[in-house]
Amino acid sequence: MNLLKITTEASITATLSLTEGQLRGLQALAAYGDTAFFKAFYVKLGKSSMQPVEADMRELFELIRRDVSPALSKIDTMRKNFNLPKSNMRFDTPVENVDTFAEHLKKVNQRYPSGLP
């Protein structure tokens, strides 16, 4: 008797490009904690739309706490070490600030070609 085992797996990934302000917004959202977030969400907006994806949202919050917070910490360290302007916490950055920031980044890359310590 021949046994045949068929396994199907599909994977979909998406890459998002976020501004610093958007990352700080995600960090603030995740900082509430999963339980507090869902309790408030369910009380104010109900369970019908969020409950089916609650496990995925908890994974997203964990990813944000694991990856976004250290990245923002590095940005804060870079700003402090190189006397760069603080984030205006807006999701858009005026072009003149981008040009200034780009010049600072060039200096950082020259000073630390292997990355920040």
N, C-alpha and C. Protein backbone atom coordinates (compact mmCIF):
# COMPACT_ATOMS: atom_id res chain seq x y z
N MET A 1 0.84 -1.17 0.00
CA MET A 1 0.00 0.00 0.00
C MET A 1 0.90 1.24 0.00
N ASN A 2 0.64 2.12 -0.94
CA ASN A 2 1.39 3.37 -1.02
C ASN A 2 0.68 4.43 -0.20
N LEU A 3 1.49 5.13 0.60
CA LEU A 3 0.94 6.24 1.38
C LEU A 3 1.37 7.54 0.72
N LEU A 4 0.46 8.39 0.58
CA LEU A 4 0.74 9.69 -0.04
C LEU A 4 0.38 10.76 0.98
N LYS A 5 1.35 11.62 1.24
CA LYS A 5 1.11 12.72 2.16
C LYS A 5 1.33 14.02 1.40
N ILE A 6 0.32 14.84 1.37
CA ILE A 6 0.40 16.13 0.68
C ILE A 6 0.32 17.23 1.74
N THR A 7 1.30 18.10 1.70
CA THR A 7 1.32 19.23 2.62
C THR A 7 1.38 20.50 1.79
N THR A 8 0.53 21.41 2.12
CA THR A 8 0.49 22.69 1.43
C THR A 8 0.77 23.79 2.44
N GLU A 9 1.65 24.69 2.05
CA GLU A 9 1.97 25.82 2.92
C GLU A 9 2.02 27.07 2.08
N ALA A 10 1.41 28.10 2.57
CA ALA A 10 1.45 29.39 1.88
C ALA A 10 1.93 30.43 2.87
N SER A 11 2.71 31.35 2.39
CA SER A 11 3.21 32.40 3.25
C SER A 11 3.13 33.72 2.50
N ILE A 12 2.60 34.71 3.18
CA ILE A 12 2.50 36.04 2.60
C ILE A 12 3.15 37.00 3.58
N THR A 13 4.03 37.82 3.07
CA THR A 13 4.65 38.83 3.91
C THR A 13 4.43 40.20 3.29
N ALA A 14 4.46 41.20 4.13
CA ALA A 14 4.34 42.58 3.66
C ALA A 14 5.42 43.40 4.34
N THR A 15 5.99 44.29 3.59
CA THR A 15 7.00 45.19 4.14
C THR A 15 6.41 46.59 4.19
N LEU A 16 6.49 47.21 5.34
CA LEU A 16 5.99 48.57 5.52
C LEU A 16 7.16 49.50 5.74
N SER A 17 7.09 50.65 5.15
CA SER A 17 8.06 51.71 5.44
C SER A 17 7.34 52.74 6.28
N LEU A 18 7.83 52.93 7.50
CA LEU A 18 7.18 53.85 8.43
C LEU A 18 8.11 54.98 8.80
N THR A 19 7.54 56.12 9.08
CA THR A 19 8.34 57.25 9.54
C THR A 19 8.64 57.05 11.03
N GLU A 20 9.55 57.86 11.53
CA GLU A 20 9.86 57.79 12.95
C GLU A 20 8.62 58.09 13.79
N GLY A 21 7.86 59.07 13.38
CA GLY A 21 6.65 59.41 14.12
C GLY A 21 5.66 58.26 14.16
N GLN A 22 5.51 57.56 13.06
CA GLN A 22 4.61 56.41 13.01
C GLN A 22 5.12 55.29 13.91
N LEU A 23 6.45 55.09 13.91
CA LEU A 23 7.03 54.08 14.79
C LEU A 23 6.80 54.44 16.26
N ARG A 24 6.96 55.71 16.58
CA ARG A 24 6.72 56.14 17.97
C ARG A 24 5.25 55.97 18.34
N GLY A 25 4.36 56.18 17.37
CA GLY A 25 2.94 55.94 17.62
C GLY A 25 2.66 54.47 17.90
N LEU A 26 3.27 53.58 17.13
CA LEU A 26 3.11 52.15 17.38
C LEU A 26 3.68 51.76 18.74
N GLN A 27 4.82 52.34 19.08
CA GLN A 27 5.43 52.05 20.36
C GLN A 27 4.50 52.48 21.50
N ALA A 28 3.91 53.66 21.36
CA ALA A 28 2.99 54.15 22.39
C ALA A 28 1.76 53.24 22.50
N LEU A 29 1.27 52.78 21.38
CA LEU A 29 0.11 51.88 21.38
C LEU A 29 0.45 50.56 22.08
N ALA A 30 1.59 49.99 21.77
CA ALA A 30 1.99 48.72 22.36
C ALA A 30 2.35 48.87 23.83
N ALA A 31 2.73 50.07 24.24
CA ALA A 31 3.14 50.30 25.64
C ALA A 31 1.99 50.12 26.62
N TYR A 32 0.77 50.23 26.16
CA TYR A 32 -0.37 50.03 27.04
C TYR A 32 -0.44 48.60 27.55
N GLY A 33 0.14 47.70 26.80
CA GLY A 33 0.03 46.28 27.13
C GLY A 33 -1.15 45.67 26.42
N ASP A 34 -1.01 44.41 26.08
CA ASP A 34 -2.05 43.73 25.30
C ASP A 34 -3.39 43.71 26.02
N THR A 35 -3.37 43.29 27.27
CA THR A 35 -4.62 43.12 28.02
C THR A 35 -5.35 44.44 28.18
N ALA A 36 -4.62 45.49 28.55
CA ALA A 36 -5.24 46.80 28.72
C ALA A 36 -5.80 47.31 27.40
N PHE A 37 -5.06 47.12 26.32
CA PHE A 37 -5.52 47.57 25.01
C PHE A 37 -6.83 46.89 24.63
N PHE A 38 -6.87 45.54 24.72
CA PHE A 38 -8.07 44.83 24.31
C PHE A 38 -9.25 45.12 25.22
N LYS A 39 -9.00 45.27 26.51
CA LYS A 39 -10.09 45.59 27.43
C LYS A 39 -10.72 46.92 27.04
N ALA A 40 -9.90 47.93 26.81
CA ALA A 40 -10.42 49.25 26.42
C ALA A 40 -11.10 49.20 25.06
N PHE A 41 -10.48 48.50 24.11
CA PHE A 41 -11.04 48.41 22.77
C PHE A 41 -12.41 47.73 22.81
N TYR A 42 -12.49 46.61 23.50
CA TYR A 42 -13.75 45.86 23.54
C TYR A 42 -14.86 46.64 24.25
N VAL A 43 -14.50 47.37 25.31
CA VAL A 43 -15.51 48.15 26.03
C VAL A 43 -16.03 49.29 25.15
N LYS A 44 -15.13 49.97 24.46
CA LYS A 44 -15.53 51.14 23.68
C LYS A 44 -16.07 50.81 22.29
N LEU A 45 -15.49 49.78 21.64
CA LEU A 45 -15.83 49.52 20.25
C LEU A 45 -16.42 48.14 19.97
N GLY A 46 -16.50 47.31 20.98
CA GLY A 46 -17.05 45.97 20.77
C GLY A 46 -16.01 44.97 20.30
N LYS A 47 -16.43 43.70 20.24
CA LYS A 47 -15.51 42.61 19.94
C LYS A 47 -15.57 42.11 18.50
N SER A 48 -16.59 42.47 17.77
CA SER A 48 -16.84 41.81 16.48
C SER A 48 -15.68 41.94 15.48
N SER A 49 -15.04 43.08 15.41
CA SER A 49 -13.99 43.23 14.40
C SER A 49 -12.60 42.83 14.92
N MET A 50 -12.34 42.98 16.20
CA MET A 50 -11.00 42.75 16.72
C MET A 50 -10.80 41.34 17.27
N GLN A 51 -11.82 40.77 17.84
CA GLN A 51 -11.64 39.45 18.48
C GLN A 51 -11.12 38.38 17.53
N PRO A 52 -11.57 38.34 16.27
CA PRO A 52 -11.03 37.31 15.36
C PRO A 52 -9.53 37.44 15.08
N VAL A 53 -8.97 38.62 15.26
CA VAL A 53 -7.54 38.82 14.99
C VAL A 53 -6.76 39.15 16.26
N GLU A 54 -7.33 38.87 17.40
CA GLU A 54 -6.68 39.22 18.67
C GLU A 54 -5.31 38.56 18.81
N ALA A 55 -5.19 37.30 18.50
CA ALA A 55 -3.90 36.61 18.63
C ALA A 55 -2.85 37.25 17.72
N ASP A 56 -3.26 37.61 16.51
CA ASP A 56 -2.33 38.27 15.59
C ASP A 56 -1.92 39.65 16.11
N MET A 57 -2.86 40.36 16.69
CA MET A 57 -2.54 41.68 17.25
C MET A 57 -1.57 41.54 18.43
N ARG A 58 -1.76 40.52 19.24
CA ARG A 58 -0.83 40.30 20.36
C ARG A 58 0.57 40.03 19.83
N GLU A 59 0.68 39.26 18.75
CA GLU A 59 1.99 39.01 18.12
C GLU A 59 2.57 40.32 17.59
N LEU A 60 1.73 41.15 16.99
CA LEU A 60 2.20 42.44 16.48
C LEU A 60 2.73 43.31 17.61
N PHE A 61 2.00 43.37 18.73
CA PHE A 61 2.46 44.17 19.87
C PHE A 61 3.80 43.65 20.39
N GLU A 62 3.96 42.34 20.43
CA GLU A 62 5.23 41.76 20.88
C GLU A 62 6.36 42.13 19.92
N LEU A 63 6.09 42.07 18.64
CA LEU A 63 7.09 42.46 17.64
C LEU A 63 7.47 43.93 17.80
N ILE A 64 6.48 44.78 18.03
CA ILE A 64 6.75 46.21 18.22
C ILE A 64 7.64 46.41 19.45
N ARG A 65 7.28 45.75 20.55
CA ARG A 65 8.09 45.91 21.77
C ARG A 65 9.50 45.35 21.57
N ARG A 66 9.62 44.27 20.82
CA ARG A 66 10.92 43.63 20.61
C ARG A 66 11.80 44.40 19.64
N ASP A 67 11.25 44.91 18.54
CA ASP A 67 12.06 45.48 17.47
C ASP A 67 12.01 47.01 17.38
N VAL A 68 10.85 47.59 17.58
CA VAL A 68 10.70 49.03 17.39
C VAL A 68 11.36 49.82 18.53
N SER A 69 11.13 49.40 19.75
CA SER A 69 11.69 50.14 20.88
C SER A 69 13.21 50.24 20.82
N PRO A 70 13.95 49.14 20.57
CA PRO A 70 15.41 49.28 20.45
C PRO A 70 15.85 50.16 19.28
N ALA A 71 15.12 50.10 18.17
CA ALA A 71 15.47 50.94 17.02
C ALA A 71 15.29 52.41 17.37
N LEU A 72 14.21 52.75 18.04
CA LEU A 72 14.00 54.14 18.44
C LEU A 72 15.01 54.58 19.48
N SER A 73 15.42 53.67 20.32
CA SER A 73 16.46 53.98 21.30
C SER A 73 17.76 54.34 20.60
N LYS A 74 18.09 53.63 19.53
CA LYS A 74 19.30 53.95 18.76
C LYS A 74 19.18 55.32 18.11
N ILE A 75 18.00 55.65 17.61
CA ILE A 75 17.78 56.97 17.03
C ILE A 75 17.97 58.04 18.09
N ASP A 76 17.43 57.82 19.28
CA ASP A 76 17.57 58.79 20.37
C ASP A 76 19.04 58.96 20.76
N THR A 77 19.78 57.85 20.80
CA THR A 77 21.21 57.91 21.13
C THR A 77 21.97 58.68 20.08
N MET A 78 21.66 58.45 18.81
CA MET A 78 22.31 59.16 17.72
C MET A 78 22.03 60.66 17.83
N ARG A 79 20.80 61.01 18.09
CA ARG A 79 20.44 62.43 18.23
C ARG A 79 21.23 63.07 19.37
N LYS A 80 21.32 62.37 20.48
CA LYS A 80 22.02 62.90 21.64
C LYS A 80 23.52 63.04 21.34
N ASN A 81 24.13 62.00 20.76
CA ASN A 81 25.57 62.01 20.50
C ASN A 81 25.99 63.04 19.46
N PHE A 82 25.10 63.32 18.54
CA PHE A 82 25.46 64.23 17.45
C PHE A 82 24.68 65.54 17.50
N ASN A 83 24.05 65.78 18.63
CA ASN A 83 23.33 67.02 18.84
C ASN A 83 22.34 67.30 17.70
N LEU A 84 21.60 66.28 17.33
CA LEU A 84 20.61 66.41 16.27
C LEU A 84 19.29 66.88 16.86
N PRO A 85 18.46 67.52 16.06
CA PRO A 85 17.17 67.99 16.58
C PRO A 85 16.28 66.82 16.97
N LYS A 86 15.47 67.04 18.01
CA LYS A 86 14.54 66.00 18.44
C LYS A 86 13.43 65.86 17.42
N SER A 87 12.83 64.69 17.40
CA SER A 87 11.72 64.43 16.49
C SER A 87 10.57 65.37 16.81
N ASN A 88 9.92 65.86 15.76
CA ASN A 88 8.75 66.70 16.00
C ASN A 88 7.50 65.84 16.23
N MET A 89 7.71 64.52 16.26
CA MET A 89 6.66 63.55 16.53
C MET A 89 5.53 63.58 15.51
N ARG A 90 5.74 64.28 14.42
CA ARG A 90 4.75 64.30 13.36
C ARG A 90 5.05 63.18 12.39
N PHE A 91 4.04 62.77 11.65
CA PHE A 91 4.22 61.70 10.69
C PHE A 91 4.88 62.18 9.41
N ASP A 92 4.89 63.49 9.21
CA ASP A 92 5.56 64.02 8.05
C ASP A 92 6.67 64.95 8.53
N THR A 93 7.73 65.03 7.79
CA THR A 93 8.86 65.86 8.16
C THR A 93 9.09 66.88 7.06
N PRO A 94 9.19 68.16 7.42
CA PRO A 94 9.43 69.17 6.39
C PRO A 94 10.72 68.88 5.63
N VAL A 95 10.73 69.19 4.34
CA VAL A 95 11.86 68.88 3.49
C VAL A 95 13.15 69.49 4.01
N GLU A 96 13.09 70.72 4.53
CA GLU A 96 14.32 71.35 5.00
C GLU A 96 14.94 70.55 6.16
N ASN A 97 14.11 69.93 7.01
CA ASN A 97 14.63 69.11 8.09
C ASN A 97 15.24 67.81 7.56
N VAL A 98 14.65 67.27 6.53
CA VAL A 98 15.17 66.04 5.94
C VAL A 98 16.57 66.28 5.39
N ASP A 99 16.76 67.40 4.70
CA ASP A 99 18.08 67.71 4.16
C ASP A 99 19.11 67.85 5.26
N THR A 100 18.77 68.54 6.33
CA THR A 100 19.68 68.72 7.47
C THR A 100 19.99 67.37 8.10
N PHE A 101 18.97 66.57 8.29
CA PHE A 101 19.15 65.27 8.90
C PHE A 101 20.02 64.37 8.01
N ALA A 102 19.82 64.47 6.71
CA ALA A 102 20.62 63.66 5.77
C ALA A 102 22.10 64.03 5.89
N GLU A 103 22.40 65.30 6.05
CA GLU A 103 23.79 65.72 6.23
C GLU A 103 24.37 65.14 7.52
N HIS A 104 23.58 65.15 8.57
CA HIS A 104 24.03 64.56 9.83
C HIS A 104 24.29 63.06 9.68
N LEU A 105 23.43 62.39 8.94
CA LEU A 105 23.61 60.95 8.74
C LEU A 105 24.88 60.65 7.97
N LYS A 106 25.22 61.50 7.01
CA LYS A 106 26.47 61.31 6.27
C LYS A 106 27.66 61.39 7.22
N LYS A 107 27.63 62.34 8.15
CA LYS A 107 28.70 62.47 9.13
C LYS A 107 28.77 61.25 10.04
N VAL A 108 27.61 60.76 10.43
CA VAL A 108 27.56 59.57 11.29
C VAL A 108 28.18 58.38 10.56
N ASN A 109 27.81 58.20 9.30
CA ASN A 109 28.35 57.08 8.52
C ASN A 109 29.85 57.19 8.32
N GLN A 110 30.34 58.40 8.19
CA GLN A 110 31.78 58.59 8.05
C GLN A 110 32.50 58.29 9.37
N ARG A 111 31.90 58.70 10.45
CA ARG A 111 32.54 58.51 11.76
C ARG A 111 32.44 57.05 12.23
N TYR A 112 31.34 56.41 11.91
CA TYR A 112 31.11 55.02 12.33
C TYR A 112 30.75 54.18 11.10
N PRO A 113 31.71 53.84 10.26
CA PRO A 113 31.39 53.09 9.04
C PRO A 113 30.80 51.71 9.30
N SER A 114 31.05 51.16 10.48
CA SER A 114 30.51 49.83 10.81
C SER A 114 29.20 49.92 11.57
N GLY A 115 28.68 51.11 11.74
CA GLY A 115 27.43 51.29 12.47
C GLY A 115 27.68 51.91 13.84
N LEU A 116 26.63 52.33 14.47
CA LEU A 116 26.75 52.95 15.79
C LEU A 116 27.20 51.93 16.83
N PRO A 117 27.99 52.39 17.80
CA PRO A 117 28.44 51.47 18.85
C PRO A 117 27.30 51.02 19.73
